[in-house]
PDB file of N, CA and C in Angstrom:
ATOM      1  N   MET A   1      21.694  73.627  53.856  1.00  0.00           N
ATOM      2  CA  MET A   1      22.630  72.762  53.153  1.00  0.00           C
ATOM      3  C   MET A   1      23.919  72.660  53.966  1.00  0.00           C
ATOM      4  N   GLU A   2      24.349  71.457  54.179  1.00  0.00           N
ATOM      5  CA  GLU A   2      25.563  71.222  54.969  1.00  0.00           C
ATOM      6  C   GLU A   2      26.783  71.223  54.050  1.00  0.00           C
ATOM      7  N   VAL A   3      27.778  71.992  54.426  1.00  0.00           N
ATOM      8  CA  VAL A   3      29.013  72.069  53.652  1.00  0.00           C
ATOM      9  C   VAL A   3      29.999  71.065  54.230  1.00  0.00           C
ATOM     10  N   LYS A   4      30.532  70.208  53.370  1.00  0.00           N
ATOM     11  CA  LYS A   4      31.501  69.216  53.831  1.00  0.00           C
ATOM     12  C   LYS A   4      32.901  69.721  53.541  1.00  0.00           C
ATOM     13  N   MET A   5      33.763  69.561  54.522  1.00  0.00           N
ATOM     14  CA  MET A   5      35.143  70.027  54.410  1.00  0.00           C
ATOM     15  C   MET A   5      36.044  68.895  53.912  1.00  0.00           C
ATOM     16  N   ALA A   6      37.085  69.273  53.224  1.00  0.00           N
ATOM     17  CA  ALA A   6      38.098  68.305  52.811  1.00  0.00           C
ATOM     18  C   ALA A   6      38.841  67.803  54.043  1.00  0.00           C
ATOM     19  N   VAL A   7      39.328  66.565  53.959  1.00  0.00           N
ATOM     20  CA  VAL A   7      40.005  65.937  55.091  1.00  0.00           C
ATOM     21  C   VAL A   7      41.400  65.500  54.653  1.00  0.00           C
ATOM     22  N   LEU A   8      42.401  65.886  55.433  1.00  0.00           N
ATOM     23  CA  LEU A   8      43.778  65.479  55.152  1.00  0.00           C
ATOM     24  C   LEU A   8      43.926  63.990  55.427  1.00  0.00           C
ATOM     25  N   LEU A   9      44.453  63.258  54.461  1.00  0.00           N
ATOM     26  CA  LEU A   9      44.668  61.828  54.641  1.00  0.00           C
ATOM     27  C   LEU A   9      46.147  61.493  54.777  1.00  0.00           C
ATOM     28  N   PHE A  10      47.004  62.073  53.909  1.00  0.00           N
ATOM     29  CA  PHE A  10      48.380  61.601  53.823  1.00  0.00           C
ATOM     30  C   PHE A  10      49.286  62.744  53.387  1.00  0.00           C
ATOM     31  N   ARG A  11      50.240  63.107  54.224  1.00  0.00           N
ATOM     32  CA  ARG A  11      51.219  64.141  53.862  1.00  0.00           C
ATOM     33  C   ARG A  11      52.267  63.532  52.931  1.00  0.00           C
ATOM     34  N   LEU A  12      52.647  64.269  51.907  1.00  0.00           N
ATOM     35  CA  LEU A  12      53.578  63.742  50.909  1.00  0.00           C
ATOM     36  C   LEU A  12      54.996  64.282  51.034  1.00  0.00           C
ATOM     37  N   ARG A  13      55.258  65.200  51.952  1.00  0.00           N
ATOM     38  CA  ARG A  13      56.611  65.748  52.088  1.00  0.00           C
ATOM     39  C   ARG A  13      57.549  64.638  52.574  1.00  0.00           C
ATOM     40  N   GLY A  14      58.601  64.390  51.810  1.00  0.00           N
ATOM     41  CA  GLY A  14      59.583  63.375  52.176  1.00  0.00           C
ATOM     42  C   GLY A  14      59.175  61.955  51.818  1.00  0.00           C
ATOM     43  N   VAL A  15      58.047  61.786  51.161  1.00  0.00           N
ATOM     44  CA  VAL A  15      57.567  60.454  50.791  1.00  0.00           C
ATOM     45  C   VAL A  15      58.160  60.080  49.435  1.00  0.00           C
ATOM     46  N   PRO A  16      58.731  58.877  49.310  1.00  0.00           N
ATOM     47  CA  PRO A  16      59.267  58.451  48.009  1.00  0.00           C
ATOM     48  C   PRO A  16      58.160  58.395  46.950  1.00  0.00           C
ATOM     49  N   ASP A  17      58.530  58.625  45.702  1.00  0.00           N
ATOM     50  CA  ASP A  17      57.548  58.643  44.614  1.00  0.00           C
ATOM     51  C   ASP A  17      56.794  57.327  44.491  1.00  0.00           C
ATOM     52  N   ASP A  18      57.499  56.200  44.677  1.00  0.00           N
ATOM     53  CA  ASP A  18      56.817  54.915  44.529  1.00  0.00           C
ATOM     54  C   ASP A  18      55.749  54.719  45.606  1.00  0.00           C
ATOM     55  N   GLU A  19      56.005  55.196  46.815  1.00  0.00           N
ATOM     56  CA  GLU A  19      55.006  55.084  47.877  1.00  0.00           C
ATOM     57  C   GLU A  19      53.802  55.977  47.578  1.00  0.00           C
ATOM     58  N   ALA A  20      54.046  57.192  47.128  1.00  0.00           N
ATOM     59  CA  ALA A  20      52.945  58.095  46.777  1.00  0.00           C
ATOM     60  C   ALA A  20      52.112  57.510  45.640  1.00  0.00           C
ATOM     61  N   ASP A  21      52.779  56.923  44.643  1.00  0.00           N
ATOM     62  CA  ASP A  21      52.063  56.285  43.534  1.00  0.00           C
ATOM     63  C   ASP A  21      51.215  55.119  44.034  1.00  0.00           C
ATOM     64  N   ASP A  22      51.770  54.330  44.956  1.00  0.00           N
ATOM     65  CA  ASP A  22      51.022  53.201  45.519  1.00  0.00           C
ATOM     66  C   ASP A  22      49.786  53.674  46.275  1.00  0.00           C
ATOM     67  N   VAL A  23      49.913  54.748  47.036  1.00  0.00           N
ATOM     68  CA  VAL A  23      48.771  55.277  47.795  1.00  0.00           C
ATOM     69  C   VAL A  23      47.696  55.782  46.835  1.00  0.00           C
ATOM     70  N   ARG A  24      48.101  56.489  45.784  1.00  0.00           N
ATOM     71  CA  ARG A  24      47.126  56.965  44.794  1.00  0.00           C
ATOM     72  C   ARG A  24      46.398  55.786  44.149  1.00  0.00           C
ATOM     73  N   ALA A  25      47.168  54.762  43.763  1.00  0.00           N
ATOM     74  CA  ALA A  25      46.568  53.587  43.126  1.00  0.00           C
ATOM     75  C   ALA A  25      45.622  52.865  44.083  1.00  0.00           C
ATOM     76  N   LEU A  26      45.991  52.774  45.345  1.00  0.00           N
ATOM     77  CA  LEU A  26      45.156  52.113  46.350  1.00  0.00           C
ATOM     78  C   LEU A  26      43.820  52.837  46.503  1.00  0.00           C
ATOM     79  N   LEU A  27      43.869  54.155  46.585  1.00  0.00           N
ATOM     80  CA  LEU A  27      42.635  54.928  46.725  1.00  0.00           C
ATOM     81  C   LEU A  27      41.773  54.826  45.468  1.00  0.00           C
ATOM     82  N   THR A  28      42.405  54.878  44.306  1.00  0.00           N
ATOM     83  CA  THR A  28      41.669  54.757  43.050  1.00  0.00           C
ATOM     84  C   THR A  28      41.039  53.378  42.924  1.00  0.00           C
ATOM     85  N   GLN A  29      41.789  52.344  43.296  1.00  0.00           N
ATOM     86  CA  GLN A  29      41.307  50.962  43.215  1.00  0.00           C
ATOM     87  C   GLN A  29      40.069  50.750  44.085  1.00  0.00           C
ATOM     88  N   HIS A  30      39.998  51.425  45.216  1.00  0.00           N
ATOM     89  CA  HIS A  30      38.860  51.268  46.122  1.00  0.00           C
ATOM     90  C   HIS A  30      37.817  52.377  45.941  1.00  0.00           C
ATOM     91  N   ALA A  31      37.902  53.115  44.838  1.00  0.00           N
ATOM     92  CA  ALA A  31      36.931  54.146  44.470  1.00  0.00           C
ATOM     93  C   ALA A  31      36.746  55.195  45.560  1.00  0.00           C
ATOM     94  N   ILE A  32      37.859  55.595  46.174  1.00  0.00           N
ATOM     95  CA  ILE A  32      37.824  56.657  47.175  1.00  0.00           C
ATOM     96  C   ILE A  32      38.202  57.953  46.474  1.00  0.00           C
ATOM     97  N   ASP A  33      37.313  58.922  46.539  1.00  0.00           N
ATOM     98  CA  ASP A  33      37.491  60.194  45.841  1.00  0.00           C
ATOM     99  C   ASP A  33      38.501  61.057  46.594  1.00  0.00           C
ATOM    100  N   PHE A  34      39.575  61.460  45.922  1.00  0.00           N
ATOM    101  CA  PHE A  34      40.634  62.247  46.563  1.00  0.00           C
ATOM    102  C   PHE A  34      41.191  63.268  45.587  1.00  0.00           C
ATOM    103  N   TYR A  35      41.951  64.194  46.122  1.00  0.00           N
ATOM    104  CA  TYR A  35      42.720  65.117  45.296  1.00  0.00           C
ATOM    105  C   TYR A  35      44.054  65.366  45.984  1.00  0.00           C
ATOM    106  N   GLU A  36      44.957  65.990  45.250  1.00  0.00           N
ATOM    107  CA  GLU A  36      46.323  66.144  45.747  1.00  0.00           C
ATOM    108  C   GLU A  36      46.752  67.605  45.655  1.00  0.00           C
ATOM    109  N   THR A  37      47.470  68.048  46.677  1.00  0.00           N
ATOM    110  CA  THR A  37      48.067  69.381  46.639  1.00  0.00           C
ATOM    111  C   THR A  37      49.582  69.219  46.545  1.00  0.00           C
ATOM    112  N   THR A  38      50.222  70.166  45.870  1.00  0.00           N
ATOM    113  CA  THR A  38      51.679  70.122  45.718  1.00  0.00           C
ATOM    114  C   THR A  38      52.321  71.094  46.699  1.00  0.00           C
ATOM    115  N   SER A  39      53.640  71.070  46.733  1.00  0.00           N
ATOM    116  CA  SER A  39      54.351  71.985  47.628  1.00  0.00           C
ATOM    117  C   SER A  39      54.483  73.381  47.021  1.00  0.00           C
ATOM    118  N   GLY A  40      54.000  73.561  45.817  1.00  0.00           N
ATOM    119  CA  GLY A  40      54.035  74.875  45.181  1.00  0.00           C
ATOM    120  C   GLY A  40      55.386  75.179  44.561  1.00  0.00           C
ATOM    121  N   SER A  41      55.484  76.326  43.945  1.00  0.00           N
ATOM    122  CA  SER A  41      56.709  76.715  43.244  1.00  0.00           C
ATOM    123  C   SER A  41      57.893  76.892  44.187  1.00  0.00           C
ATOM    124  N   TRP A  42      57.644  77.384  45.386  1.00  0.00           N
ATOM    125  CA  TRP A  42      58.731  77.648  46.327  1.00  0.00           C
ATOM    126  C   TRP A  42      58.860  76.572  47.391  1.00  0.00           C
ATOM    127  N   GLY A  43      58.006  75.573  47.347  1.00  0.00           N
ATOM    128  CA  GLY A  43      58.094  74.473  48.297  1.00  0.00           C
ATOM    129  C   GLY A  43      57.615  74.803  49.691  1.00  0.00           C
ATOM    130  N   VAL A  44      56.770  75.826  49.840  1.00  0.00           N
ATOM    131  CA  VAL A  44      56.324  76.220  51.176  1.00  0.00           C
ATOM    132  C   VAL A  44      54.944  75.675  51.530  1.00  0.00           C
ATOM    133  N   SER A  45      54.185  75.228  50.546  1.00  0.00           N
ATOM    134  CA  SER A  45      52.870  74.652  50.822  1.00  0.00           C
ATOM    135  C   SER A  45      53.024  73.190  51.218  1.00  0.00           C
ATOM    136  N   MET A  46      51.949  72.614  51.725  1.00  0.00           N
ATOM    137  CA  MET A  46      52.016  71.227  52.182  1.00  0.00           C
ATOM    138  C   MET A  46      51.542  70.278  51.076  1.00  0.00           C
ATOM    139  N   PRO A  47      52.465  69.474  50.534  1.00  0.00           N
ATOM    140  CA  PRO A  47      52.030  68.466  49.573  1.00  0.00           C
ATOM    141  C   PRO A  47      51.304  67.353  50.325  1.00  0.00           C
ATOM    142  N   ALA A  48      50.111  67.002  49.856  1.00  0.00           N
ATOM    143  CA  ALA A  48      49.322  66.017  50.580  1.00  0.00           C
ATOM    144  C   ALA A  48      48.249  65.425  49.683  1.00  0.00           C
ATOM    145  N   ILE A  49      47.696  64.318  50.159  1.00  0.00           N
ATOM    146  CA  ILE A  49      46.522  63.715  49.540  1.00  0.00           C
ATOM    147  C   ILE A  49      45.354  63.986  50.478  1.00  0.00           C
ATOM    148  N   TRP A  50      44.294  64.534  49.921  1.00  0.00           N
ATOM    149  CA  TRP A  50      43.114  64.937  50.686  1.00  0.00           C
ATOM    150  C   TRP A  50      41.897  64.172  50.181  1.00  0.00           C
ATOM    151  N   LEU A  51      40.967  63.893  51.072  1.00  0.00           N
ATOM    152  CA  LEU A  51      39.668  63.360  50.677  1.00  0.00           C
ATOM    153  C   LEU A  51      38.707  64.543  50.569  1.00  0.00           C
ATOM    154  N   HIS A  52      37.786  64.463  49.627  1.00  0.00           N
ATOM    155  CA  HIS A  52      36.849  65.573  49.428  1.00  0.00           C
ATOM    156  C   HIS A  52      35.950  65.788  50.640  1.00  0.00           C
ATOM    157  N   ASP A  53      35.609  64.716  51.335  1.00  0.00           N
ATOM    158  CA  ASP A  53      34.817  64.832  52.563  1.00  0.00           C
ATOM    159  C   ASP A  53      35.160  63.656  53.469  1.00  0.00           C
ATOM    160  N   ASP A  54      34.581  63.642  54.656  1.00  0.00           N
ATOM    161  CA  ASP A  54      34.960  62.618  55.638  1.00  0.00           C
ATOM    162  C   ASP A  54      34.134  61.337  55.554  1.00  0.00           C
ATOM    163  N   SER A  55      33.358  61.162  54.493  1.00  0.00           N
ATOM    164  CA  SER A  55      32.491  59.986  54.395  1.00  0.00           C
ATOM    165  C   SER A  55      33.271  58.680  54.264  1.00  0.00           C
ATOM    166  N   SER A  56      34.463  58.721  53.693  1.00  0.00           N
ATOM    167  CA  SER A  56      35.240  57.490  53.517  1.00  0.00           C
ATOM    168  C   SER A  56      36.586  57.547  54.236  1.00  0.00           C
ATOM    169  N   ILE A  57      36.715  58.422  55.227  1.00  0.00           N
ATOM    170  CA  ILE A  57      38.002  58.579  55.914  1.00  0.00           C
ATOM    171  C   ILE A  57      38.395  57.318  56.672  1.00  0.00           C
ATOM    172  N   ASP A  58      37.433  56.653  57.317  1.00  0.00           N
ATOM    173  CA  ASP A  58      37.765  55.448  58.081  1.00  0.00           C
ATOM    174  C   ASP A  58      38.281  54.341  57.170  1.00  0.00           C
ATOM    175  N   GLN A  59      37.605  54.138  56.040  1.00  0.00           N
ATOM    176  CA  GLN A  59      38.046  53.125  55.083  1.00  0.00           C
ATOM    177  C   GLN A  59      39.431  53.470  54.540  1.00  0.00           C
ATOM    178  N   ALA A  60      39.648  54.731  54.197  1.00  0.00           N
ATOM    179  CA  ALA A  60      40.934  55.157  53.639  1.00  0.00           C
ATOM    180  C   ALA A  60      42.058  54.989  54.655  1.00  0.00           C
ATOM    181  N   LYS A  61      41.810  55.353  55.908  1.00  0.00           N
ATOM    182  CA  LYS A  61      42.840  55.200  56.940  1.00  0.00           C
ATOM    183  C   LYS A  61      43.163  53.735  57.183  1.00  0.00           C
ATOM    184  N   GLU A  62      42.147  52.877  57.145  1.00  0.00           N
ATOM    185  CA  GLU A  62      42.385  51.446  57.334  1.00  0.00           C
ATOM    186  C   GLU A  62      43.212  50.876  56.185  1.00  0.00           C
ATOM    187  N   LEU A  63      42.863  51.239  54.955  1.00  0.00           N
ATOM    188  CA  LEU A  63      43.635  50.788  53.793  1.00  0.00           C
ATOM    189  C   LEU A  63      45.075  51.273  53.873  1.00  0.00           C
ATOM    190  N   LEU A  64      45.250  52.520  54.282  1.00  0.00           N
ATOM    191  CA  LEU A  64      46.582  53.105  54.398  1.00  0.00           C
ATOM    192  C   LEU A  64      47.401  52.408  55.479  1.00  0.00           C
ATOM    193  N   ALA A  65      46.778  52.086  56.599  1.00  0.00           N
ATOM    194  CA  ALA A  65      47.486  51.396  57.683  1.00  0.00           C
ATOM    195  C   ALA A  65      47.946  50.011  57.242  1.00  0.00           C
ATOM    196  N   VAL A  66      47.080  49.287  56.542  1.00  0.00           N
ATOM    197  CA  VAL A  66      47.446  47.952  56.046  1.00  0.00           C
ATOM    198  C   VAL A  66      48.584  48.068  55.036  1.00  0.00           C
ATOM    199  N   TYR A  67      48.481  49.040  54.118  1.00  0.00           N
ATOM    200  CA  TYR A  67      49.535  49.235  53.117  1.00  0.00           C
ATOM    201  C   TYR A  67      50.872  49.567  53.773  1.00  0.00           C
ATOM    202  N   GLN A  68      50.860  50.479  54.737  1.00  0.00           N
ATOM    203  CA  GLN A  68      52.113  50.882  55.370  1.00  0.00           C
ATOM    204  C   GLN A  68      52.724  49.744  56.177  1.00  0.00           C
ATOM    205  N   GLU A  69      51.902  48.906  56.780  1.00  0.00           N
ATOM    206  CA  GLU A  69      52.423  47.734  57.499  1.00  0.00           C
ATOM    207  C   GLU A  69      53.095  46.773  56.517  1.00  0.00           C
ATOM    208  N   GLN A  70      52.457  46.544  55.372  1.00  0.00           N
ATOM    209  CA  GLN A  70      53.044  45.670  54.348  1.00  0.00           C
ATOM    210  C   GLN A  70      54.350  46.256  53.818  1.00  0.00           C
ATOM    211  N   ARG A  71      54.374  47.556  53.600  1.00  0.00           N
ATOM    212  CA  ARG A  71      55.585  48.217  53.089  1.00  0.00           C
ATOM    213  C   ARG A  71      56.718  48.138  54.109  1.00  0.00           C
ATOM    214  N   ALA A  72      56.404  48.358  55.379  1.00  0.00           N
ATOM    215  CA  ALA A  72      57.425  48.276  56.431  1.00  0.00           C
ATOM    216  C   ALA A  72      57.959  46.852  56.547  1.00  0.00           C
ATOM    217  N   ARG A  73      57.069  45.872  56.468  1.00  0.00           N
ATOM    218  CA  ARG A  73      57.494  44.473  56.554  1.00  0.00           C
ATOM    219  C   ARG A  73      58.403  44.120  55.379  1.00  0.00           C
ATOM    220  N   ALA A  74      58.056  44.590  54.185  1.00  0.00           N
ATOM    221  CA  ALA A  74      58.880  44.322  53.001  1.00  0.00           C
ATOM    222  C   ALA A  74      60.254  44.969  53.139  1.00  0.00           C
ATOM    223  N   ALA A  75      60.314  46.184  53.678  1.00  0.00           N
ATOM    224  CA  ALA A  75      61.603  46.864  53.873  1.00  0.00           C
ATOM    225  C   ALA A  75      62.453  46.130  54.899  1.00  0.00           C
ATOM    226  N   ARG A  76      61.834  45.675  55.985  1.00  0.00           N
ATOM    227  CA  ARG A  76      62.586  44.909  56.999  1.00  0.00           C
ATOM    228  C   ARG A  76      63.101  43.600  56.418  1.00  0.00           C
ATOM    229  N   ASP A  77      62.258  42.913  55.645  1.00  0.00           N
ATOM    230  CA  ASP A  77      62.673  41.649  55.031  1.00  0.00           C
ATOM    231  C   ASP A  77      63.823  41.864  54.050  1.00  0.00           C
ATOM    232  N   ALA A  78      63.763  42.951  53.281  1.00  0.00           N
ATOM    233  CA  ALA A  78      64.843  43.252  52.338  1.00  0.00           C
ATOM    234  C   ALA A  78      66.139  43.533  53.085  1.00  0.00           C
ATOM    235  N   TYR A  79      66.057  44.257  54.201  1.00  0.00           N
ATOM    236  CA  TYR A  79      67.252  44.546  54.998  1.00  0.00           C
ATOM    237  C   TYR A  79      67.837  43.267  55.582  1.00  0.00           C
ATOM    238  N   VAL A  80      66.986  42.392  56.096  1.00  0.00           N
ATOM    239  CA  VAL A  80      67.466  41.124  56.661  1.00  0.00           C
ATOM    240  C   VAL A  80      68.141  40.294  55.577  1.00  0.00           C
ATOM    241  N   ALA A  81      67.556  40.271  54.380  1.00  0.00           N
ATOM    242  CA  ALA A  81      68.159  39.516  53.276  1.00  0.00           C
ATOM    243  C   ALA A  81      69.523  40.091  52.907  1.00  0.00           C
ATOM    244  N   LEU A  82      69.638  41.417  52.827  1.00  0.00           N
ATOM    245  CA  LEU A  82      70.931  42.047  52.536  1.00  0.00           C
ATOM    246  C   LEU A  82      71.943  41.736  53.631  1.00  0.00           C
ATOM    247  N   LYS A  83      71.497  41.778  54.865  1.00  0.00           N
ATOM    248  CA  LYS A  83      72.392  41.519  55.990  1.00  0.00           C
ATOM    249  C   LYS A  83      72.883  40.072  55.973  1.00  0.00           C
ATOM    250  N   GLN A  84      71.997  39.143  55.649  1.00  0.00           N
ATOM    251  CA  GLN A  84      72.389  37.734  55.594  1.00  0.00           C
ATOM    252  C   GLN A  84      73.401  37.480  54.477  1.00  0.00           C
ATOM    253  N   ARG A  85      73.266  38.221  53.371  1.00  0.00           N
ATOM    254  CA  ARG A  85      74.220  38.067  52.265  1.00  0.00           C
ATOM    255  C   ARG A  85      75.472  38.906  52.472  1.00  0.00           C
ATOM    256  N   GLY A  86      75.482  39.726  53.520  1.00  0.00           N
ATOM    257  CA  GLY A  86      76.634  40.580  53.789  1.00  0.00           C
ATOM    258  C   GLY A  86      76.730  41.776  52.863  1.00  0.00           C
ATOM    259  N   GLU A  87      75.610  42.194  52.285  1.00  0.00           N
ATOM    260  CA  GLU A  87      75.609  43.287  51.315  1.00  0.00           C
ATOM    261  C   GLU A  87      75.064  44.594  51.873  1.00  0.00           C
ATOM    262  N   HIS A  88      74.667  44.617  53.147  1.00  0.00           N
ATOM    263  CA  HIS A  88      74.127  45.863  53.700  1.00  0.00           C
ATOM    264  C   HIS A  88      75.266  46.848  53.933  1.00  0.00           C
ATOM    265  N   LYS A  89      74.947  48.131  53.794  1.00  0.00           N
ATOM    266  CA  LYS A  89      75.979  49.160  53.915  1.00  0.00           C
ATOM    267  C   LYS A  89      76.327  49.406  55.369  1.00  0.00           C
ATOM    268  N   ARG A  90      77.592  49.594  55.590  1.00  0.00           N
ATOM    269  CA  ARG A  90      78.095  49.962  56.905  1.00  0.00           C
ATOM    270  C   ARG A  90      78.761  51.324  56.803  1.00  0.00           C
ATOM    271  N   LEU A  91      79.003  51.946  57.946  1.00  0.00           N
ATOM    272  CA  LEU A  91      79.598  53.279  57.967  1.00  0.00           C
ATOM    273  C   LEU A  91      80.932  53.295  57.231  1.00  0.00           C
ATOM    274  N   TRP A  92      81.772  52.318  57.508  1.00  0.00           N
ATOM    275  CA  TRP A  92      83.109  52.318  56.898  1.00  0.00           C
ATOM    276  C   TRP A  92      83.048  52.125  55.392  1.00  0.00           C
ATOM    277  N   GLN A  93      82.067  51.380  54.919  1.00  0.00           N
ATOM    278  CA  GLN A  93      81.914  51.217  53.473  1.00  0.00           C
ATOM    279  C   GLN A  93      81.514  52.539  52.816  1.00  0.00           C
ATOM    280  N   GLY A  94      80.658  53.291  53.490  1.00  0.00           N
ATOM    281  CA  GLY A  94      80.264  54.602  52.974  1.00  0.00           C
ATOM    282  C   GLY A  94      81.430  55.568  52.933  1.00  0.00           C
ATOM    283  N   ILE A  95      82.268  55.531  53.976  1.00  0.00           N
ATOM    284  CA  ILE A  95      83.450  56.400  54.012  1.00  0.00           C
ATOM    285  C   ILE A  95      84.426  56.004  52.916  1.00  0.00           C
ATOM    286  N   ALA A  96      84.641  54.700  52.746  1.00  0.00           N
ATOM    287  CA  ALA A  96      85.570  54.223  51.719  1.00  0.00           C
ATOM    288  C   ALA A  96      85.064  54.550  50.312  1.00  0.00           C
ATOM    289  N   ALA A  97      83.750  54.537  50.128  1.00  0.00           N
ATOM    290  CA  ALA A  97      83.187  54.828  48.810  1.00  0.00           C
ATOM    291  C   ALA A  97      83.299  56.310  48.461  1.00  0.00           C
ATOM    292  N   HIS A  98      83.231  57.191  49.472  1.00  0.00           N
ATOM    293  CA  HIS A  98      83.279  58.635  49.234  1.00  0.00           C
ATOM    294  C   HIS A  98      84.201  59.307  50.249  1.00  0.00           C
ATOM    295  N   PRO A  99      85.515  59.055  50.166  1.00  0.00           N
ATOM    296  CA  PRO A  99      86.415  59.608  51.185  1.00  0.00           C
ATOM    297  C   PRO A  99      86.505  61.137  51.145  1.00  0.00           C
ATOM    298  N   PHE A 100      86.452  61.738  49.959  1.00  0.00           N
ATOM    299  CA  PHE A 100      86.544  63.193  49.869  1.00  0.00           C
ATOM    300  C   PHE A 100      85.335  63.857  50.534  1.00  0.00           C
ATOM    301  N   ARG A 101      84.148  63.314  50.279  1.00  0.00           N
ATOM    302  CA  ARG A 101      82.941  63.864  50.898  1.00  0.00           C
ATOM    303  C   ARG A 101      83.014  63.739  52.417  1.00  0.00           C
ATOM    304  N   PHE A 102      83.530  62.607  52.910  1.00  0.00           N
ATOM    305  CA  PHE A 102      83.660  62.407  54.355  1.00  0.00           C
ATOM    306  C   PHE A 102      84.618  63.434  54.953  1.00  0.00           C
ATOM    307  N   LEU A 103      85.773  63.639  54.314  1.00  0.00           N
ATOM    308  CA  LEU A 103      86.741  64.612  54.823  1.00  0.00           C
ATOM    309  C   LEU A 103      86.190  66.038  54.755  1.00  0.00           C
ATOM    310  N   LEU A 104      85.463  66.354  53.702  1.00  0.00           N
ATOM    311  CA  LEU A 104      84.850  67.673  53.585  1.00  0.00           C
ATOM    312  C   LEU A 104      83.832  67.900  54.709  1.00  0.00           C
ATOM    313  N   MET A 105      82.995  66.920  54.976  1.00  0.00           N
ATOM    314  CA  MET A 105      82.009  67.046  56.061  1.00  0.00           C
ATOM    315  C   MET A 105      82.698  67.170  57.418  1.00  0.00           C
ATOM    316  N   LEU A 106      83.760  66.408  57.611  1.00  0.00           N
ATOM    317  CA  LEU A 106      84.512  66.480  58.865  1.00  0.00           C
ATOM    318  C   LEU A 106      85.126  67.872  59.036  1.00  0.00           C
ATOM    319  N   ALA A 107      85.670  68.426  57.953  1.00  0.00           N
ATOM    320  CA  ALA A 107      86.247  69.771  58.008  1.00  0.00           C
ATOM    321  C   ALA A 107      85.169  70.823  58.285  1.00  0.00           C
ATOM    322  N   LEU A 108      83.999  70.670  57.678  1.00  0.00           N
ATOM    323  CA  LEU A 108      82.903  71.607  57.924  1.00  0.00           C
ATOM    324  C   LEU A 108      82.430  71.544  59.376  1.00  0.00           C
ATOM    325  N   ILE A 109      82.364  70.355  59.931  1.00  0.00           N
ATOM    326  CA  ILE A 109      81.974  70.204  61.339  1.00  0.00           C
ATOM    327  C   ILE A 109      83.002  70.865  62.242  1.00  0.00           C
ATOM    328  N   ALA A 110      84.286  70.635  61.957  1.00  0.00           N
ATOM    329  CA  ALA A 110      85.346  71.244  62.766  1.00  0.00           C
ATOM    330  C   ALA A 110      85.292  72.768  62.662  1.00  0.00           C
ATOM    331  N   PHE A 111      85.053  73.291  61.459  1.00  0.00           N
ATOM    332  CA  PHE A 111      84.962  74.735  61.273  1.00  0.00           C
ATOM    333  C   PHE A 111      83.779  75.317  62.043  1.00  0.00           C
ATOM    334  N   MET A 112      82.633  74.658  61.968  1.00  0.00           N
ATOM    335  CA  MET A 112      81.448  75.144  62.690  1.00  0.00           C
ATOM    336  C   MET A 112      81.671  75.107  64.198  1.00  0.00           C
ATOM    337  N   LEU A 113      82.332  74.072  64.686  1.00  0.00           N
ATOM    338  CA  LEU A 113      82.650  74.020  66.114  1.00  0.00           C
ATOM    339  C   LEU A 113      83.592  75.155  66.499  1.00  0.00           C
ATOM    340  N   TYR A 114      84.581  75.411  65.663  1.00  0.00           N
ATOM    341  CA  TYR A 114      85.526  76.497  65.933  1.00  0.00           C
ATOM    342  C   TYR A 114      84.801  77.844  65.982  1.00  0.00           C
ATOM    343  N   VAL A 115      83.979  78.112  64.972  1.00  0.00           N
ATOM    344  CA  VAL A 115      83.250  79.383  64.914  1.00  0.00           C
ATOM    345  C   VAL A 115      82.291  79.511  66.096  1.00  0.00           C
ATOM    346  N   SER A 116      81.646  78.425  66.470  1.00  0.00           N
ATOM    347  CA  SER A 116      80.677  78.469  67.567  1.00  0.00           C
ATOM    348  C   SER A 116      81.339  78.650  68.924  1.00  0.00           C
ATOM    349  N   LEU A 117      82.497  78.037  69.109  1.00  0.00           N
ATOM    350  CA  LEU A 117      83.137  78.053  70.424  1.00  0.00           C
ATOM    351  C   LEU A 117      84.190  79.140  70.589  1.00  0.00           C
ATOM    352  N   SER A 118      84.678  79.715  69.501  1.00  0.00           N
ATOM    353  CA  SER A 118      85.762  80.694  69.608  1.00  0.00           C
ATOM    354  C   SER A 118      85.425  81.918  70.460  1.00  0.00           C
ATOM    355  N   PRO A 119      84.188  82.410  70.511  1.00  0.00           N
ATOM    356  CA  PRO A 119      83.925  83.544  71.405  1.00  0.00           C
ATOM    357  C   PRO A 119      84.069  83.188  72.892  1.00  0.00           C
ATOM    358  N   PHE A 120      83.952  81.928  73.220  1.00  0.00           N
ATOM    359  CA  PHE A 120      83.968  81.505  74.619  1.00  0.00           C
ATOM    360  C   PHE A 120      85.293  80.895  75.061  1.00  0.00           C
ATOM    361  N   ILE A 121      86.020  80.330  74.097  1.00  0.00           N
ATOM    362  CA  ILE A 121      87.286  79.655  74.411  1.00  0.00           C
ATOM    363  C   ILE A 121      88.379  80.272  73.550  1.00  0.00           C
ATOM    364  N   HIS A 122      89.512  80.597  74.169  1.00  0.00           N
ATOM    365  CA  HIS A 122      90.626  81.175  73.421  1.00  0.00           C
ATOM    366  C   HIS A 122      91.471  80.037  72.851  1.00  0.00           C
ATOM    367  N   PHE A 123      91.558  79.943  71.518  1.00  0.00           N
ATOM    368  CA  PHE A 123      92.312  78.875  70.855  1.00  0.00           C
ATOM    369  C   PHE A 123      93.683  79.385  70.430  1.00  0.00           C
ATOM    370  N   GLY A 124      94.457  79.864  71.229  1.00  0.00           N
ATOM    371  CA  GLY A 124      95.697  80.394  70.717  1.00  0.00           C
ATOM    372  C   GLY A 124      96.724  80.435  71.719  1.00  0.00           C
TER     373      GLY A 124
END
C-alpha cells in the first residue's frame, strides 16, 4: 500500500484574511480536498493550506497563480485610480497624520544609533 504525503500549497503567514478566504473558496469551488494548519498558541508553527495528496497539486497551483495575478492586477488598478484622483498616501501625509508617532520613531532610531555607536565613537 502506497502512503501519500500531504503537500504544502499556500503559506498563510502575513496573508490578509480576505485573500486566505478567497483561496479557501477557490479550492472548495473546484472540489480540491485541502486542510489548514494554524500558527498555534505561540505563533511558532507554520500556518498554511495543505493538500491531502499530490493528485491535484498542478490544478491547485494553476488556480492559485491565476487568482494571484488577478489580485495583483486589481491592486495595481486601485493604486492607479487613487493616484489619478490624488488620494494615494505620501510620506508627508503620513507624518502629518501622526506627528507624535513619527517623532517617537525618530527618537528611537537616534537612541539606537547612539547606543550602537557609543562604544566606538566618543560623543562628548
